C-alpha atoms as a PDB file:
ATOM      1  CA  MET A   1     -11.411  -9.684  10.093  1.00  0.00           C
ATOM      2  CA  ASP A   2     -11.945  -8.290   6.782  1.00  0.00           C
ATOM      3  CA  VAL A   3     -15.406  -7.427   7.762  1.00  0.00           C
ATOM      4  CA  ASN A   4     -14.074  -5.391  10.548  1.00  0.00           C
ATOM      5  CA  ARG A   5     -11.450  -3.920   8.721  1.00  0.00           C
ATOM      6  CA  LYS A   6     -13.536  -2.203   6.232  1.00  0.00           C
ATOM      7  CA  VAL A   7     -15.397  -1.050   8.818  1.00  0.00           C
ATOM      8  CA  LEU A   8     -13.072   0.775  10.262  1.00  0.00           C
ATOM      9  CA  LYS A   9     -12.118   2.418   7.412  1.00  0.00           C
ATOM     10  CA  ALA A  10     -15.501   3.760   6.976  1.00  0.00           C
ATOM     11  CA  ILE A  11     -16.169   4.829  10.320  1.00  0.00           C
ATOM     12  CA  SER A  12     -12.513   6.469  10.175  1.00  0.00           C
ATOM     13  CA  TYR A  13     -13.307   8.699   6.976  1.00  0.00           C
ATOM     14  CA  ILE A  14     -17.051   9.675   8.035  1.00  0.00           C
ATOM     15  CA  CYS A  15     -15.443  10.825  11.589  1.00  0.00           C
ATOM     16  CA  GLY A  16     -12.497  12.413  10.086  1.00  0.00           C
ATOM     17  CA  THR A  17     -14.941  14.061   7.733  1.00  0.00           C
ATOM     18  CA  LEU A  18     -17.152  15.524  10.159  1.00  0.00           C
ATOM     19  CA  LEU A  19     -14.193  16.099  12.588  1.00  0.00           C
ATOM     20  CA  ILE A  20     -12.625  18.681   9.820  1.00  0.00           C
ATOM     21  CA  ILE A  21     -16.223  20.249   9.264  1.00  0.00           C
ATOM     22  CA  GLY A  22     -17.398  20.779  12.536  1.00  0.00           C
ATOM     23  CA  THR A  23     -13.774  22.315  13.296  1.00  0.00           C
ATOM     24  CA  ALA A  24     -14.030  24.498  10.367  1.00  0.00           C
ATOM     25  CA  LEU A  25     -17.753  25.766  11.676  1.00  0.00           C
ATOM     26  CA  PHE A  26     -16.397  26.045  14.947  1.00  0.00           C
ATOM     27  CA  PHE A  27     -13.210  27.958  14.285  1.00  0.00           C
ATOM     28  CA  TYR A  28     -15.497  29.942  11.549  1.00  0.00           C
ATOM     29  CA  GLY A  29     -18.112  31.078  13.941  1.00  0.00           C
ATOM     30  CA  TYR A  30     -15.667  31.810  17.443  1.00  0.00           C
ATOM     31  CA  PHE A  31     -13.121  34.068  15.142  1.00  0.00           C
ATOM     32  CA  GLY A  32     -14.671  34.515  12.320  1.00  0.00           C
ATOM     33  CA  SER A  33     -18.019  35.692  12.396  1.00  0.00           C
ATOM     34  CA  GLY A  34     -19.127  35.757  15.870  1.00  0.00           C
ATOM     35  CA  SER A  35     -22.343  33.917  15.649  1.00  0.00           C
ATOM     36  CA  ALA A  36     -23.220  31.510  18.617  1.00  0.00           C
ATOM     37  CA  GLU A  37     -25.504  29.188  16.647  1.00  0.00           C
ATOM     38  CA  VAL A  38     -22.450  28.412  14.369  1.00  0.00           C
ATOM     39  CA  THR A  39     -20.374  27.921  17.079  1.00  0.00           C
ATOM     40  CA  GLY A  40     -23.141  25.694  18.445  1.00  0.00           C
ATOM     41  CA  ILE A  41     -23.031  24.068  15.628  1.00  0.00           C
ATOM     42  CA  GLY A  42     -19.267  22.687  15.161  1.00  0.00           C
ATOM     43  CA  ILE A  43     -19.251  22.174  18.735  1.00  0.00           C
ATOM     44  CA  GLY A  44     -21.707  19.267  18.228  1.00  0.00           C
ATOM     45  CA  THR A  45     -21.183  18.201  15.092  1.00  0.00           C
ATOM     46  CA  VAL A  46     -17.576  17.817  16.175  1.00  0.00           C
ATOM     47  CA  MET A  47     -18.994  16.178  19.787  1.00  0.00           C
ATOM     48  CA  GLY A  48     -21.116  13.888  17.152  1.00  0.00           C
ATOM     49  CA  ALA A  49     -17.807  12.216  15.733  1.00  0.00           C
ATOM     50  CA  SER A  50     -16.284  11.546  18.882  1.00  0.00           C
ATOM     51  CA  PHE A  51     -19.407   9.726  19.386  1.00  0.00           C
ATOM     52  CA  ILE A  52     -19.635   7.811  16.100  1.00  0.00           C
ATOM     53  CA  PHE A  53     -15.975   7.144  16.338  1.00  0.00           C
ATOM     54  CA  ILE A  54     -16.422   5.788  20.349  1.00  0.00           C
ATOM     55  CA  MET A  55     -19.707   3.998  19.256  1.00  0.00           C
ATOM     56  CA  GLY A  56     -17.665   2.078  15.877  1.00  0.00           C
ATOM     57  CA  ILE A  57     -15.236   1.184  17.909  1.00  0.00           C
ATOM     58  CA  PHE A  58     -16.996  -0.450  20.730  1.00  0.00           C
ATOM     59  CA  LEU A  59     -19.021  -2.313  17.679  1.00  0.00           C
ATOM     60  CA  VAL A  60     -15.831  -3.711  16.185  1.00  0.00           C
ATOM     61  CA  ALA A  61     -14.438  -4.909  19.596  1.00  0.00           C
ATOM     62  CA  THR A  62     -17.579  -6.465  20.732  1.00  0.00           C
ATOM     63  CA  GLU A  63     -17.340  -8.324  17.201  1.00  0.00           C
ATOM     64  CA  GLU A  64     -13.566  -9.590  17.684  1.00  0.00           C
ATOM     65  CA  SER A  65     -14.534 -11.217  21.001  1.00  0.00           C
ATOM     66  CA  ILE A  66     -17.269 -13.285  19.582  1.00  0.00           C
ATOM     67  CA  GLN A  67     -15.783 -16.343  18.314  1.00  0.00           C
ATOM     68  CA  GLU A  68     -17.686 -18.743  16.215  1.00  0.00           C
ATOM     69  CA  LYS A  69     -17.231 -23.005  16.606  1.00  0.00           C
ATOM     70  CA  ASN A  70     -19.456 -25.360  14.893  1.00  0.00           C
ATOM     71  CA  GLY A  71     -22.134 -22.778  13.999  1.00  0.00           C
ATOM     72  CA  LYS A  72     -22.430 -21.453  17.219  1.00  0.00           C
ATOM     73  CA  ARG A  73     -21.342 -18.135  18.632  1.00  0.00           C
ATOM     74  CA  GLN A  74     -19.647 -18.130  22.037  1.00  0.00           C
ATOM     75  CA  LEU A  75     -17.649 -15.577  23.531  1.00  0.00           C
ATOM     76  CA  LEU A  76     -13.479 -16.165  23.620  1.00  0.00           C
END
């Protein structure tokens, strides 16, 4: 259980940082410079952060559903 909490905290820090960077790049590209390349990189970064977050949550959820009894792993 402690490992899952650490994984969730790490995922939230990584995805939060990527989300802020992607949003800043998107706003800079769309409003600041008008560059389509920077806007696309911002959108891609935000989508990547969302994908990493969803996959991390899935990883923790699947580990939670597997229980270890007598040295054997089994589904709940």
